[in-house]
N, C-alpha and C. Protein backbone atom coordinates (compact mmCIF):
# COMPACT_ATOMS: atom_id res chain seq x y z
N LEU A 1 -3.79 -4.44 5.65
CA LEU A 1 -3.62 -3.68 6.88
C LEU A 1 -2.13 -3.57 7.24
N ARG A 2 -1.42 -4.67 7.05
CA ARG A 2 0.02 -4.63 7.38
C ARG A 2 0.75 -3.63 6.51
N ASP A 3 0.44 -3.59 5.20
CA ASP A 3 1.09 -2.65 4.30
C ASP A 3 0.75 -1.22 4.70
N PHE A 4 -0.51 -0.97 5.05
CA PHE A 4 -0.92 0.36 5.47
C PHE A 4 -0.14 0.79 6.70
N LEU A 5 -0.01 -0.10 7.68
CA LEU A 5 0.71 0.24 8.90
C LEU A 5 2.20 0.47 8.63
N LEU A 6 2.78 -0.30 7.72
CA LEU A 6 4.18 -0.07 7.37
C LEU A 6 4.37 1.29 6.73
N VAL A 7 3.48 1.65 5.81
CA VAL A 7 3.54 2.98 5.17
C VAL A 7 3.39 4.07 6.20
N TYR A 8 2.40 3.92 7.07
CA TYR A 8 2.12 4.93 8.12
C TYR A 8 3.32 5.09 9.03
N ASN A 9 3.92 3.98 9.48
CA ASN A 9 5.08 4.07 10.38
C ASN A 9 6.27 4.71 9.69
N ARG A 10 6.49 4.36 8.43
CA ARG A 10 7.60 4.94 7.70
C ARG A 10 7.41 6.44 7.49
N MET A 11 6.17 6.82 7.16
CA MET A 11 5.87 8.26 6.98
C MET A 11 6.08 9.01 8.29
N THR A 12 5.63 8.46 9.37
CA THR A 12 5.79 9.08 10.69
C THR A 12 7.25 9.27 11.02
N GLU A 13 8.04 8.25 10.78
CA GLU A 13 9.48 8.33 11.05
C GLU A 13 10.18 9.36 10.19
N LEU A 14 9.89 9.37 8.89
CA LEU A 14 10.51 10.35 8.00
C LEU A 14 10.17 11.77 8.39
N CYS A 15 8.91 12.04 8.60
CA CYS A 15 8.49 13.39 8.92
C CYS A 15 9.02 13.82 10.30
N PHE A 16 9.01 12.92 11.26
CA PHE A 16 9.55 13.27 12.58
C PHE A 16 11.02 13.63 12.49
N ARG A 17 11.79 12.81 11.81
CA ARG A 17 13.22 13.08 11.69
C ARG A 17 13.51 14.36 10.94
N HIS A 18 12.67 14.65 9.96
CA HIS A 18 12.86 15.87 9.14
C HIS A 18 12.45 17.11 9.87
N CYS A 19 11.40 17.04 10.69
CA CYS A 19 10.79 18.25 11.22
C CYS A 19 11.06 18.54 12.68
N VAL A 20 11.20 17.54 13.50
CA VAL A 20 11.35 17.79 14.94
C VAL A 20 12.83 17.88 15.29
N CYS A 21 13.20 19.08 15.75
CA CYS A 21 14.62 19.36 16.03
C CYS A 21 14.92 19.39 17.53
N ASN A 22 13.93 19.78 18.32
CA ASN A 22 14.18 20.02 19.74
C ASN A 22 13.31 19.07 20.55
N LEU A 23 13.92 18.19 21.33
CA LEU A 23 13.18 17.24 22.15
C LEU A 23 13.14 17.66 23.62
N ASN A 24 13.41 18.93 23.87
CA ASN A 24 13.42 19.41 25.26
C ASN A 24 12.02 19.76 25.78
N TYR A 25 11.04 19.82 24.90
CA TYR A 25 9.69 20.22 25.30
C TYR A 25 8.68 19.16 24.89
N ARG A 26 7.60 19.06 25.65
CA ARG A 26 6.56 18.08 25.30
C ARG A 26 5.78 18.48 24.08
N LEU A 27 5.53 19.78 23.90
CA LEU A 27 4.71 20.27 22.81
C LEU A 27 5.58 20.65 21.62
N LEU A 28 4.99 20.56 20.44
CA LEU A 28 5.69 20.96 19.23
C LEU A 28 5.69 22.48 19.11
N THR A 29 6.71 23.02 18.50
CA THR A 29 6.69 24.45 18.19
C THR A 29 5.79 24.65 16.97
N GLY A 30 5.41 25.88 16.72
CA GLY A 30 4.59 26.18 15.55
C GLY A 30 5.29 25.77 14.26
N ARG A 31 6.59 25.98 14.20
CA ARG A 31 7.36 25.63 13.01
C ARG A 31 7.38 24.12 12.80
N GLU A 32 7.59 23.36 13.88
CA GLU A 32 7.60 21.89 13.78
C GLU A 32 6.23 21.38 13.36
N GLU A 33 5.17 21.90 13.92
CA GLU A 33 3.82 21.45 13.59
C GLU A 33 3.51 21.74 12.13
N SER A 34 3.88 22.91 11.67
CA SER A 34 3.65 23.26 10.26
C SER A 34 4.45 22.36 9.33
N CYS A 35 5.69 22.07 9.68
CA CYS A 35 6.54 21.18 8.90
C CYS A 35 5.94 19.77 8.84
N LEU A 36 5.47 19.27 9.98
CA LEU A 36 4.87 17.93 10.02
C LEU A 36 3.60 17.86 9.17
N ASP A 37 2.77 18.88 9.23
CA ASP A 37 1.56 18.90 8.42
C ASP A 37 1.90 18.86 6.94
N SER A 38 2.87 19.68 6.57
CA SER A 38 3.29 19.74 5.16
C SER A 38 3.91 18.42 4.71
N CYS A 39 4.77 17.86 5.52
CA CYS A 39 5.44 16.60 5.18
C CYS A 39 4.44 15.48 5.04
N ALA A 40 3.54 15.35 5.98
CA ALA A 40 2.52 14.28 5.92
C ALA A 40 1.63 14.46 4.70
N ALA A 41 1.23 15.68 4.40
CA ALA A 41 0.38 15.93 3.25
C ALA A 41 1.08 15.55 1.95
N ARG A 42 2.35 15.87 1.84
CA ARG A 42 3.11 15.50 0.62
C ARG A 42 3.17 13.98 0.46
N LEU A 43 3.48 13.29 1.54
CA LEU A 43 3.60 11.82 1.46
C LEU A 43 2.25 11.16 1.18
N VAL A 44 1.17 11.68 1.76
CA VAL A 44 -0.17 11.13 1.50
C VAL A 44 -0.54 11.32 0.04
N ARG A 45 -0.29 12.54 -0.51
CA ARG A 45 -0.59 12.78 -1.93
C ARG A 45 0.25 11.84 -2.84
N ALA A 46 1.51 11.69 -2.51
CA ALA A 46 2.35 10.79 -3.29
C ALA A 46 1.84 9.35 -3.23
N ASN A 47 1.42 8.90 -2.05
CA ASN A 47 0.88 7.56 -1.88
C ASN A 47 -0.41 7.39 -2.69
N HIS A 48 -1.25 8.41 -2.69
CA HIS A 48 -2.50 8.34 -3.49
C HIS A 48 -2.20 8.22 -4.96
N ARG A 49 -1.24 8.99 -5.46
CA ARG A 49 -0.86 8.89 -6.87
C ARG A 49 -0.31 7.52 -7.22
N LEU A 50 0.53 6.99 -6.35
CA LEU A 50 1.09 5.66 -6.61
C LEU A 50 0.01 4.57 -6.60
N MET A 51 -0.91 4.65 -5.63
CA MET A 51 -1.98 3.65 -5.57
C MET A 51 -2.90 3.79 -6.78
N GLY A 52 -3.15 4.99 -7.25
CA GLY A 52 -3.97 5.19 -8.44
C GLY A 52 -3.33 4.54 -9.64
N ALA A 53 -2.03 4.73 -9.81
CA ALA A 53 -1.32 4.11 -10.91
C ALA A 53 -1.31 2.58 -10.77
N TYR A 54 -1.12 2.09 -9.57
CA TYR A 54 -1.10 0.65 -9.30
C TYR A 54 -2.45 0.02 -9.65
N VAL A 55 -3.54 0.66 -9.21
CA VAL A 55 -4.88 0.13 -9.51
C VAL A 55 -5.14 0.10 -10.98
N GLY A 56 -4.60 1.09 -11.73
CA GLY A 56 -4.79 1.13 -13.18
C GLY A 56 -4.00 0.07 -13.90
N LEU A 57 -2.84 -0.31 -13.37
CA LEU A 57 -1.95 -1.24 -14.05
C LEU A 57 -2.21 -2.70 -13.72
N VAL A 58 -2.70 -2.98 -12.55
CA VAL A 58 -2.84 -4.38 -12.09
C VAL A 58 -3.71 -5.23 -13.00
N PRO A 59 -4.89 -4.79 -13.45
CA PRO A 59 -5.70 -5.67 -14.31
C PRO A 59 -4.98 -6.08 -15.58
N ALA A 60 -4.27 -5.14 -16.22
CA ALA A 60 -3.53 -5.47 -17.44
C ALA A 60 -2.40 -6.46 -17.14
N LEU A 61 -1.70 -6.27 -16.02
CA LEU A 61 -0.63 -7.20 -15.68
C LEU A 61 -1.17 -8.61 -15.39
N LEU A 62 -2.30 -8.69 -14.69
CA LEU A 62 -2.89 -10.01 -14.40
C LEU A 62 -3.36 -10.70 -15.69
N GLN A 63 -3.95 -9.94 -16.61
CA GLN A 63 -4.39 -10.54 -17.87
C GLN A 63 -3.18 -11.03 -18.66
N ARG A 64 -2.12 -10.24 -18.70
CA ARG A 64 -0.92 -10.63 -19.46
C ARG A 64 -0.30 -11.87 -18.84
N ARG A 65 -0.24 -11.92 -17.52
CA ARG A 65 0.34 -13.07 -16.83
C ARG A 65 -0.50 -14.33 -17.09
N ALA A 66 -1.83 -14.18 -17.07
CA ALA A 66 -2.71 -15.32 -17.35
C ALA A 66 -2.54 -15.78 -18.78
N ALA A 67 -2.39 -14.85 -19.73
CA ALA A 67 -2.20 -15.22 -21.13
C ALA A 67 -0.87 -15.95 -21.32
N GLU A 68 0.17 -15.52 -20.61
CA GLU A 68 1.48 -16.17 -20.73
C GLU A 68 1.41 -17.62 -20.23
N HIS A 69 0.62 -17.86 -19.23
CA HIS A 69 0.47 -19.20 -18.67
C HIS A 69 -0.58 -20.02 -19.37
N GLY A 70 -1.32 -19.41 -20.26
CA GLY A 70 -2.31 -20.13 -21.04
C GLY A 70 -3.57 -20.51 -20.29
N ALA A 71 -3.79 -19.87 -19.13
CA ALA A 71 -4.99 -20.18 -18.33
C ALA A 71 -5.82 -18.93 -18.18
N PRO A 72 -7.14 -19.07 -18.21
CA PRO A 72 -7.95 -17.88 -17.97
C PRO A 72 -7.84 -17.42 -16.55
N ALA A 73 -7.89 -16.11 -16.35
CA ALA A 73 -7.80 -15.56 -15.01
C ALA A 73 -9.12 -15.68 -14.30
N GLY A 74 -9.07 -16.06 -13.02
CA GLY A 74 -10.28 -16.12 -12.21
C GLY A 74 -10.62 -14.75 -11.69
N PRO A 75 -11.65 -14.63 -10.87
CA PRO A 75 -12.10 -13.33 -10.36
C PRO A 75 -11.05 -12.65 -9.48
N SER A 76 -10.20 -13.41 -8.82
CA SER A 76 -9.20 -12.79 -7.99
C SER A 76 -7.93 -12.49 -8.75
N GLY A 77 -7.91 -12.78 -10.02
CA GLY A 77 -6.71 -12.53 -10.84
C GLY A 77 -5.78 -13.72 -10.90
N LEU A 78 -6.10 -14.76 -10.11
CA LEU A 78 -5.29 -15.96 -10.16
C LEU A 78 -5.84 -16.88 -11.22
N PRO A 79 -5.01 -17.70 -11.79
CA PRO A 79 -5.51 -18.63 -12.80
C PRO A 79 -6.61 -19.50 -12.21
N ALA A 80 -7.68 -19.70 -12.96
CA ALA A 80 -8.80 -20.51 -12.50
C ALA A 80 -8.40 -21.97 -12.52
N SER A 81 -8.72 -22.70 -11.47
CA SER A 81 -8.39 -24.13 -11.45
C SER A 81 -9.56 -24.90 -12.01
N PRO A 82 -9.28 -25.89 -12.90
CA PRO A 82 -10.38 -26.63 -13.52
C PRO A 82 -11.10 -27.56 -12.54
N ASP A 83 -10.39 -28.10 -11.54
CA ASP A 83 -10.99 -29.03 -10.60
C ASP A 83 -11.03 -28.40 -9.22
N PRO A 84 -12.08 -28.67 -8.45
CA PRO A 84 -12.08 -28.15 -7.09
C PRO A 84 -11.03 -28.84 -6.28
N ALA A 85 -10.55 -28.15 -5.23
CA ALA A 85 -9.51 -28.70 -4.36
C ALA A 85 -10.09 -29.91 -3.62
N PRO A 86 -9.29 -30.99 -3.48
CA PRO A 86 -9.77 -32.15 -2.75
C PRO A 86 -10.01 -31.80 -1.30
N GLY A 87 -11.09 -32.28 -0.77
CA GLY A 87 -11.44 -31.99 0.61
C GLY A 87 -11.85 -33.25 1.32
N PRO A 88 -12.37 -33.13 2.52
CA PRO A 88 -12.81 -34.32 3.25
C PRO A 88 -14.02 -34.96 2.53
N ALA A 89 -14.11 -36.26 2.66
CA ALA A 89 -15.20 -37.00 2.00
C ALA A 89 -16.52 -36.60 2.66
N GLU A 90 -17.52 -36.45 1.77
CA GLU A 90 -18.85 -36.11 2.30
C GLU A 90 -19.57 -37.38 2.74
N SER A 91 -20.36 -37.31 3.80
CA SER A 91 -21.09 -38.49 4.25
C SER A 91 -22.49 -38.49 3.76
């Protein structure tokens, strides 16, 4: 969620700075609104392409990292621990 909000805030800032020229009116001009729509659409498409590439690469990277460390990867991609973590004594 934090990463999503950071991307959203950065996209908003970039498009606002690029498209909004006149702060004398409450409403956007037609040109500003069109520019913002186009800018946001470009950034969303770019983000989707990057996330698609990331999702495709992560499993291979996790397998390679696990092989380098000599431990099998667990379901979360982290090396599986042979012993459970110590916890409070059971009664």
